[in-house]
Amino acid sequence: MIRVAIVDDHPAVRLGLHTAIRSEPGLVPAGAAASAVELAPLLYRSRPDVVLLDYNLPDVDGLTVCRDVKTQALAPRVILYSAFADGSMTVPALVAGADGILSKGVPARDLFEAIREVSSGGDAMPPISSDQLQAASSALDVADLPILGMLIDRTPTHEIADTLRIDHAMLKRRIGSMLGHLTASVNDSAPRRKRWPPKVAQAKAPAGSVSAGSWSSWDRFDA
């Protein structure tokens, strides 16, 4: 069984995902969190195989949370889950160590396929275009471009530190700084949209979306 943890601040999204995952053979919900603060104890308690992580959390951005999760020992696989997922997120997500990017509007079968793919050691990342790579490179200091290239190639951080002859603490700070610049670049290029779903009574997601569900105050699910 693949244990899947859900991190999203919208109760309706958590409910929809929990229901969808529970209904799929071979997958099981491993709990849910509404914020980055709630995620740490959830990971310790449930030890999920895969984390579905909302890109837009209320307390900190999903890229920073993803990087923190992926630097832990025996880190789970992480799929960044966004209502507005597009190619501009690919390079920042790779720097953060994400294993996949997925839109909240995808059909359930695509969600299940992505979970199984990353759980088996693969990834669910869209390809990087030359324009995206150029935009990311332009947002960074020239000295950080070798780090960017190695992170895109999935080089382990200890190998990056050894190759560049810098200590791990310095590398961690530099990657954090890179994420800050890349996140700002993504946010600046994105159109100003309302968060999904709108917090109104009877809010509904698109038909067939795995995040559709009745608006409720159900904040946590037990595996």
Protein backbone atom coordinates (compact mmCIF):
# COMPACT_ATOMS: atom_id res chain seq x y z
CA MET A 1 0.00 0.00 0.00
CA ILE A 2 1.18 3.52 -0.82
CA ARG A 3 0.61 5.90 2.09
CA VAL A 4 -0.31 9.42 0.98
CA ALA A 5 -0.31 12.51 3.20
CA ILE A 6 -2.27 15.60 2.16
CA VAL A 7 -1.18 19.18 2.91
CA ASP A 8 -3.69 21.88 1.93
CA ASP A 9 -5.31 24.73 3.83
CA HIS A 10 -8.73 24.25 2.19
CA PRO A 11 -10.96 21.72 3.99
CA ALA A 12 -12.86 20.93 0.77
CA VAL A 13 -9.64 20.02 -1.03
CA ARG A 14 -8.48 17.82 1.83
CA LEU A 15 -11.84 16.09 1.91
CA GLY A 16 -11.90 15.51 -1.85
CA LEU A 17 -8.38 14.12 -1.91
CA HIS A 18 -8.95 11.92 1.13
CA THR A 19 -12.10 10.46 -0.44
CA ALA A 20 -10.45 9.88 -3.81
CA ILE A 21 -7.30 8.27 -2.38
CA ARG A 22 -9.28 6.06 0.01
CA SER A 23 -11.34 4.75 -2.91
CA GLU A 24 -8.33 3.74 -5.02
CA PRO A 25 -6.92 0.21 -4.57
CA GLY A 26 -3.31 0.24 -3.44
CA LEU A 27 -3.46 3.76 -1.99
CA VAL A 28 -4.32 4.79 1.57
CA PRO A 29 -4.62 8.23 3.18
CA ALA A 30 -1.91 8.81 5.79
CA GLY A 31 -3.39 11.90 7.40
CA ALA A 32 -3.75 15.56 6.47
CA ALA A 33 -2.35 18.93 7.50
CA ALA A 34 -3.64 22.45 6.89
CA SER A 35 -0.28 24.21 7.20
CA ALA A 36 3.47 23.72 7.27
CA VAL A 37 3.37 23.84 11.08
CA GLU A 38 1.04 20.83 11.15
CA LEU A 39 3.10 18.90 8.58
CA ALA A 40 6.14 18.08 10.77
CA PRO A 41 4.22 16.08 13.40
CA LEU A 42 2.16 14.44 10.64
CA LEU A 43 5.32 13.18 8.93
CA TYR A 44 6.72 11.89 12.21
CA ARG A 45 3.46 10.17 13.15
CA SER A 46 2.36 8.63 9.85
CA ARG A 47 5.59 8.18 7.82
CA PRO A 48 3.90 8.62 4.41
CA ASP A 49 5.43 7.39 1.16
CA VAL A 50 4.13 10.38 -0.81
CA VAL A 51 3.13 13.91 0.24
CA LEU A 52 0.65 15.92 -1.83
CA LEU A 53 1.78 19.44 -0.97
CA ASP A 54 -0.20 22.57 -1.78
CA TYR A 55 2.01 25.18 -3.45
CA ASN A 56 0.15 28.05 -1.77
CA LEU A 57 0.06 27.52 1.98
CA PRO A 58 -1.00 30.31 4.37
CA ASP A 59 2.16 30.30 6.50
CA VAL A 60 4.97 29.59 4.00
CA ASP A 61 5.30 28.80 0.31
CA GLY A 62 5.24 25.18 -0.79
CA LEU A 63 8.72 25.29 -2.33
CA THR A 64 10.33 26.10 1.01
CA VAL A 65 8.30 23.39 2.74
CA CYS A 66 9.24 20.90 0.03
CA ARG A 67 12.94 21.66 0.41
CA ASP A 68 12.73 21.25 4.18
CA VAL A 69 10.94 17.91 3.81
CA LYS A 70 13.37 16.59 1.22
CA THR A 71 16.42 17.36 3.37
CA GLN A 72 15.18 15.03 6.10
CA ALA A 73 16.45 11.49 6.49
CA LEU A 74 14.18 8.94 4.78
CA ALA A 75 12.25 11.80 3.15
CA PRO A 76 8.98 10.93 1.43
CA ARG A 77 8.35 11.65 -2.22
CA VAL A 78 6.71 15.04 -2.75
CA ILE A 79 4.23 16.20 -5.40
CA LEU A 80 3.55 19.94 -5.50
CA TYR A 81 -0.18 20.37 -5.98
CA SER A 82 -1.43 23.68 -7.37
CA ALA A 83 -4.60 25.11 -8.86
CA PHE A 84 -2.40 27.03 -11.28
CA ALA A 85 0.37 24.55 -12.06
CA ASP A 86 2.30 25.47 -15.19
CA GLY A 87 5.77 25.24 -16.67
CA SER A 88 7.05 28.27 -14.77
CA MET A 89 7.06 26.14 -11.61
CA THR A 90 9.23 23.35 -13.01
CA VAL A 91 12.73 24.72 -12.36
CA PRO A 92 11.90 26.09 -8.89
CA ALA A 93 10.26 22.76 -8.02
CA LEU A 94 13.38 20.85 -9.07
CA VAL A 95 15.56 23.14 -6.95
CA ALA A 96 13.21 22.43 -4.04
CA GLY A 97 13.63 18.68 -4.61
CA ALA A 98 10.04 18.01 -5.68
CA ASP A 99 9.30 14.74 -7.44
CA GLY A 100 6.27 16.00 -9.34
CA ILE A 101 3.98 18.91 -10.14
CA LEU A 102 0.25 18.41 -10.57
CA SER A 103 -2.74 20.63 -11.21
CA LYS A 104 -5.66 20.42 -8.81
CA GLY A 105 -7.94 20.10 -11.81
CA VAL A 106 -6.52 16.83 -13.17
CA PRO A 107 -8.74 13.75 -13.39
CA ALA A 108 -8.40 11.26 -10.54
CA ARG A 109 -6.71 8.69 -12.78
CA ASP A 110 -3.87 11.15 -13.51
CA LEU A 111 -3.46 11.85 -9.80
CA PHE A 112 -3.25 8.13 -9.00
CA GLU A 113 -0.78 7.56 -11.84
CA ALA A 114 1.47 10.39 -10.59
CA ILE A 115 1.39 9.04 -7.03
CA ARG A 116 2.35 5.56 -8.20
CA GLU A 117 5.06 6.91 -10.49
CA VAL A 118 6.85 8.96 -7.83
CA SER A 119 6.38 6.24 -5.24
CA SER A 120 8.23 3.80 -7.49
CA GLY A 121 11.19 6.19 -7.84
CA GLY A 122 10.14 8.01 -10.99
CA ASP A 123 8.98 11.58 -11.33
CA ALA A 124 5.95 13.48 -12.54
CA MET A 125 7.71 16.64 -13.67
CA PRO A 126 6.94 18.43 -16.94
CA PRO A 127 9.88 18.94 -19.32
CA ILE A 128 11.95 22.11 -19.00
CA SER A 129 11.94 24.45 -21.98
CA SER A 130 14.93 26.57 -22.93
CA ASP A 131 12.90 29.70 -22.12
CA GLN A 132 12.15 28.42 -18.60
CA LEU A 133 15.79 27.58 -18.01
CA GLN A 134 16.87 30.99 -19.26
CA ALA A 135 14.33 32.75 -17.04
CA ALA A 136 15.51 30.81 -13.99
CA SER A 137 19.17 31.48 -14.78
CA SER A 138 18.47 35.19 -15.17
CA ALA A 139 16.92 35.31 -11.71
CA LEU A 140 20.02 33.86 -10.04
CA ASP A 141 23.54 34.95 -9.30
CA VAL A 142 26.05 33.62 -11.83
CA ALA A 143 27.90 31.81 -9.03
CA ASP A 144 24.76 29.75 -8.32
CA LEU A 145 24.32 28.46 -11.87
CA PRO A 146 26.48 25.35 -11.32
CA ILE A 147 24.29 24.49 -8.32
CA LEU A 148 21.19 25.01 -10.45
CA GLY A 149 22.48 22.67 -13.13
CA MET A 150 23.32 19.92 -10.66
CA LEU A 151 19.98 20.22 -8.86
CA ILE A 152 18.14 19.96 -12.18
CA ASP A 153 20.17 16.81 -12.88
CA ARG A 154 19.07 15.44 -9.47
CA THR A 155 22.63 15.42 -8.11
CA PRO A 156 22.54 14.67 -4.35
CA THR A 157 23.41 17.69 -2.24
CA HIS A 158 26.39 16.00 -0.60
CA GLU A 159 27.87 15.45 -4.07
CA ILE A 160 27.22 19.09 -4.99
CA ALA A 161 28.98 20.24 -1.83
CA ASP A 162 31.95 17.96 -2.54
CA THR A 163 32.18 19.04 -6.18
CA LEU A 164 32.08 22.76 -5.35
CA ARG A 165 34.19 22.29 -2.22
CA ILE A 166 31.78 24.09 0.07
CA ASP A 167 30.34 22.89 3.35
CA HIS A 168 26.81 21.59 3.61
CA ALA A 169 25.58 24.50 5.73
CA MET A 170 26.76 27.00 3.10
CA LEU A 171 25.13 24.97 0.34
CA LYS A 172 21.86 24.85 2.26
CA ARG A 173 21.91 28.65 2.64
CA ARG A 174 22.65 29.16 -1.04
CA ILE A 175 19.85 26.84 -2.13
CA GLY A 176 17.49 28.67 0.21
CA SER A 177 18.51 31.97 -1.35
CA MET A 178 18.04 30.52 -4.85
CA LEU A 179 14.54 29.37 -3.93
CA GLY A 180 13.71 32.86 -2.69
CA HIS A 181 14.73 34.42 -6.01
CA LEU A 182 13.00 31.75 -8.07
CA THR A 183 9.79 31.95 -6.05
CA ALA A 184 9.73 35.73 -6.50
CA SER A 185 10.24 35.25 -10.22
CA VAL A 186 7.32 32.79 -10.45
CA ASN A 187 5.05 35.06 -8.43
CA ASP A 188 5.95 38.15 -10.46
CA SER A 189 5.23 36.40 -13.76
CA ALA A 190 1.93 34.86 -12.61
CA PRO A 191 -1.35 36.67 -13.22
CA ARG A 192 -3.15 37.90 -10.14
CA ARG A 193 -5.73 35.19 -9.48
CA LYS A 194 -8.06 34.43 -6.62
CA ARG A 195 -7.17 31.42 -4.53
CA TRP A 196 -9.11 28.25 -5.31
CA PRO A 197 -11.73 27.36 -4.24
CA PRO A 198 -13.42 30.62 -3.22
CA LYS A 199 -14.43 30.58 0.44
CA VAL A 200 -18.14 30.84 -0.09
CA ALA A 201 -20.98 28.50 0.74
CA GLN A 202 -21.40 25.57 -1.62
CA ALA A 203 -18.14 26.25 -3.43
CA LYS A 204 -17.56 23.66 -6.14
CA ALA A 205 -14.53 22.49 -8.08
CA PRO A 206 -14.76 21.62 -11.79
CA ALA A 207 -16.68 18.45 -12.55
CA GLY A 208 -14.47 15.40 -12.36
CA SER A 209 -11.80 17.11 -10.29
CA VAL A 210 -10.39 15.06 -7.45
CA SER A 211 -10.54 18.12 -5.20
CA ALA A 212 -14.28 18.55 -5.56
CA GLY A 213 -16.24 18.12 -2.34
CA SER A 214 -18.73 19.71 -0.02
CA TRP A 215 -17.39 22.71 1.87
CA SER A 216 -16.91 21.57 5.44
CA SER A 217 -14.93 22.24 8.59
CA TRP A 218 -13.40 18.77 8.61
CA ASP A 219 -9.78 19.68 9.35
CA ARG A 220 -8.12 16.30 9.84
CA PHE A 221 -8.44 12.76 8.61
CA ASP A 222 -7.06 9.67 10.25
CA ALA A 223 -5.40 7.11 8.04
